[in-house]
C-alpha atoms as a PDB file:
ATOM      1  CA  MET A   1     -79.709  -4.051  43.333  1.00  0.00           C
ATOM      2  CA  SER A   2     -82.918  -3.815  45.294  1.00  0.00           C
ATOM      3  CA  GLU A   3     -86.341  -3.329  43.744  1.00  0.00           C
ATOM      4  CA  LYS A   4     -86.486   0.208  45.128  1.00  0.00           C
ATOM      5  CA  GLN A   5     -83.184   1.098  43.470  1.00  0.00           C
ATOM      6  CA  GLN A   6     -84.284  -0.421  40.165  1.00  0.00           C
ATOM      7  CA  ARG A   7     -87.539   1.529  40.288  1.00  0.00           C
ATOM      8  CA  ALA A   8     -85.661   4.757  41.067  1.00  0.00           C
ATOM      9  CA  LYS A   9     -83.231   4.108  38.204  1.00  0.00           C
ATOM     10  CA  ALA A  10     -86.096   3.462  35.743  1.00  0.00           C
ATOM     11  CA  TYR A  11     -87.865   6.603  36.981  1.00  0.00           C
ATOM     12  CA  TRP A  12     -84.756   8.729  36.472  1.00  0.00           C
ATOM     13  CA  LYS A  13     -84.108   7.249  33.012  1.00  0.00           C
ATOM     14  CA  GLU A  14     -87.655   8.059  31.874  1.00  0.00           C
ATOM     15  CA  ASN A  15     -87.401  11.539  33.403  1.00  0.00           C
ATOM     16  CA  LEU A  16     -84.195  12.226  31.446  1.00  0.00           C
ATOM     17  CA  ARG A  17     -85.851  11.039  28.237  1.00  0.00           C
ATOM     18  CA  TYR A  18     -88.711  13.505  28.770  1.00  0.00           C
ATOM     19  CA  LEU A  19     -86.234  16.300  29.495  1.00  0.00           C
ATOM     20  CA  LEU A  20     -84.216  15.555  26.382  1.00  0.00           C
ATOM     21  CA  ILE A  21     -87.273  15.528  24.116  1.00  0.00           C
ATOM     22  CA  LEU A  22     -88.645  18.769  25.565  1.00  0.00           C
ATOM     23  CA  LEU A  23     -85.269  20.519  25.371  1.00  0.00           C
ATOM     24  CA  ILE A  24     -84.887  19.465  21.730  1.00  0.00           C
ATOM     25  CA  ILE A  25     -88.322  20.940  20.961  1.00  0.00           C
ATOM     26  CA  TRP A  26     -87.383  24.144  22.780  1.00  0.00           C
ATOM     27  CA  PHE A  27     -84.072  24.359  20.887  1.00  0.00           C
ATOM     28  CA  LEU A  28     -85.741  23.802  17.516  1.00  0.00           C
ATOM     29  CA  VAL A  29     -88.318  26.497  18.212  1.00  0.00           C
ATOM     30  CA  SER A  30     -85.993  29.093  19.734  1.00  0.00           C
ATOM     31  CA  TYR A  31     -82.828  28.595  17.693  1.00  0.00           C
ATOM     32  CA  GLY A  32     -84.246  26.889  14.619  1.00  0.00           C
ATOM     33  CA  ALA A  33     -87.362  28.968  14.001  1.00  0.00           C
ATOM     34  CA  GLY A  34     -85.898  32.217  15.306  1.00  0.00           C
ATOM     35  CA  ILE A  35     -82.474  32.049  13.630  1.00  0.00           C
ATOM     36  CA  LEU A  36     -81.862  29.158  11.214  1.00  0.00           C
ATOM     37  CA  PHE A  37     -85.213  29.077   9.412  1.00  0.00           C
ATOM     38  CA  LYS A  38     -85.965  32.779   9.866  1.00  0.00           C
ATOM     39  CA  ASP A  39     -85.803  33.636   6.169  1.00  0.00           C
ATOM     40  CA  ALA A  40     -88.170  30.833   5.143  1.00  0.00           C
ATOM     41  CA  LEU A  41     -90.585  31.679   7.969  1.00  0.00           C
ATOM     42  CA  ASN A  42     -90.521  35.380   7.140  1.00  0.00           C
ATOM     43  CA  THR A  43     -92.560  34.666   4.009  1.00  0.00           C
ATOM     44  CA  ILE A  44     -95.506  33.954   6.351  1.00  0.00           C
ATOM     45  CA  ARG A  45     -97.156  36.716   8.365  1.00  0.00           C
ATOM     46  CA  LEU A  46     -98.788  36.374  11.791  1.00  0.00           C
ATOM     47  CA  GLY A  47    -100.686  39.357  13.144  1.00  0.00           C
ATOM     48  CA  GLY A  48     -98.924  41.663  10.702  1.00  0.00           C
ATOM     49  CA  PHE A  49     -95.446  40.472  11.686  1.00  0.00           C
ATOM     50  CA  LYS A  50     -93.137  38.138   9.804  1.00  0.00           C
ATOM     51  CA  LEU A  51     -93.291  34.669  11.381  1.00  0.00           C
ATOM     52  CA  GLY A  52     -89.493  34.371  11.778  1.00  0.00           C
ATOM     53  CA  PHE A  53     -89.428  37.660  13.679  1.00  0.00           C
ATOM     54  CA  TRP A  54     -92.430  36.597  15.761  1.00  0.00           C
ATOM     55  CA  PHE A  55     -90.739  33.331  16.801  1.00  0.00           C
ATOM     56  CA  ALA A  56     -87.541  35.157  17.690  1.00  0.00           C
ATOM     57  CA  GLN A  57     -89.390  37.736  19.803  1.00  0.00           C
ATOM     58  CA  GLN A  58     -92.473  35.996  21.220  1.00  0.00           C
ATOM     59  CA  GLY A  59     -93.006  32.483  19.916  1.00  0.00           C
ATOM     60  CA  SER A  60     -90.099  30.807  21.658  1.00  0.00           C
ATOM     61  CA  ILE A  61     -91.213  32.272  24.988  1.00  0.00           C
ATOM     62  CA  TYR A  62     -94.764  30.979  24.508  1.00  0.00           C
ATOM     63  CA  VAL A  63     -93.493  27.554  23.519  1.00  0.00           C
ATOM     64  CA  PHE A  64     -91.197  27.489  26.561  1.00  0.00           C
ATOM     65  CA  VAL A  65     -94.113  28.240  28.921  1.00  0.00           C
ATOM     66  CA  ILE A  66     -96.242  25.560  27.215  1.00  0.00           C
ATOM     67  CA  LEU A  67     -93.366  23.075  27.585  1.00  0.00           C
ATOM     68  CA  ILE A  68     -93.252  23.794  31.326  1.00  0.00           C
ATOM     69  CA  PHE A  69     -96.909  22.803  31.642  1.00  0.00           C
ATOM     70  CA  VAL A  70     -96.315  19.712  29.481  1.00  0.00           C
ATOM     71  CA  TYR A  71     -93.378  18.726  31.712  1.00  0.00           C
ATOM     72  CA  VAL A  72     -95.471  19.126  34.872  1.00  0.00           C
ATOM     73  CA  ARG A  73     -98.185  16.911  33.399  1.00  0.00           C
ATOM     74  CA  LEU A  74     -95.662  14.280  32.268  1.00  0.00           C
ATOM     75  CA  MET A  75     -93.966  14.271  35.670  1.00  0.00           C
ATOM     76  CA  ASN A  76     -97.280  13.879  37.506  1.00  0.00           C
ATOM     77  CA  LYS A  77     -98.034  10.830  35.360  1.00  0.00           C
ATOM     78  CA  LEU A  78     -94.517   9.496  35.891  1.00  0.00           C
ATOM     79  CA  ASP A  79     -94.749  10.003  39.666  1.00  0.00           C
ATOM     80  CA  LYS A  80     -98.014   8.101  39.729  1.00  0.00           C
ATOM     81  CA  LYS A  81     -96.600   5.317  37.536  1.00  0.00           C
ATOM     82  CA  TYR A  82     -93.664   4.712  39.886  1.00  0.00           C
ATOM     83  CA  GLY A  83     -95.499   5.352  43.135  1.00  0.00           C
ATOM     84  CA  TYR A  84     -93.856   8.660  43.998  1.00  0.00           C
ATOM     85  CA  ASP A  85     -97.072  10.680  43.906  1.00  0.00           C
ATOM     86  CA  GLU A  86     -98.422  12.347  47.011  1.00  0.00           C
ATOM     87  CA  LYS A  87    -101.398  10.467  48.373  1.00  0.00           C
END
């Protein structure tokens, strides 16, 4: 395997690791906080609304948008690390 292929394989492996971590966070926030832990979170109020309800309606969307920006930042660093950045 050439050096270019090894670098591409390492890049893809690290990219998949980032994706997996971010998707797990998204799942925990959307499914976990909005459905599984709803009753425990509903004991806390945020802006007059129960926190479990807030996560189910708004929080998971906000977290998803934040995760998009985190992914962009991680991928820019990864591109630079492996020499795939635009110069």
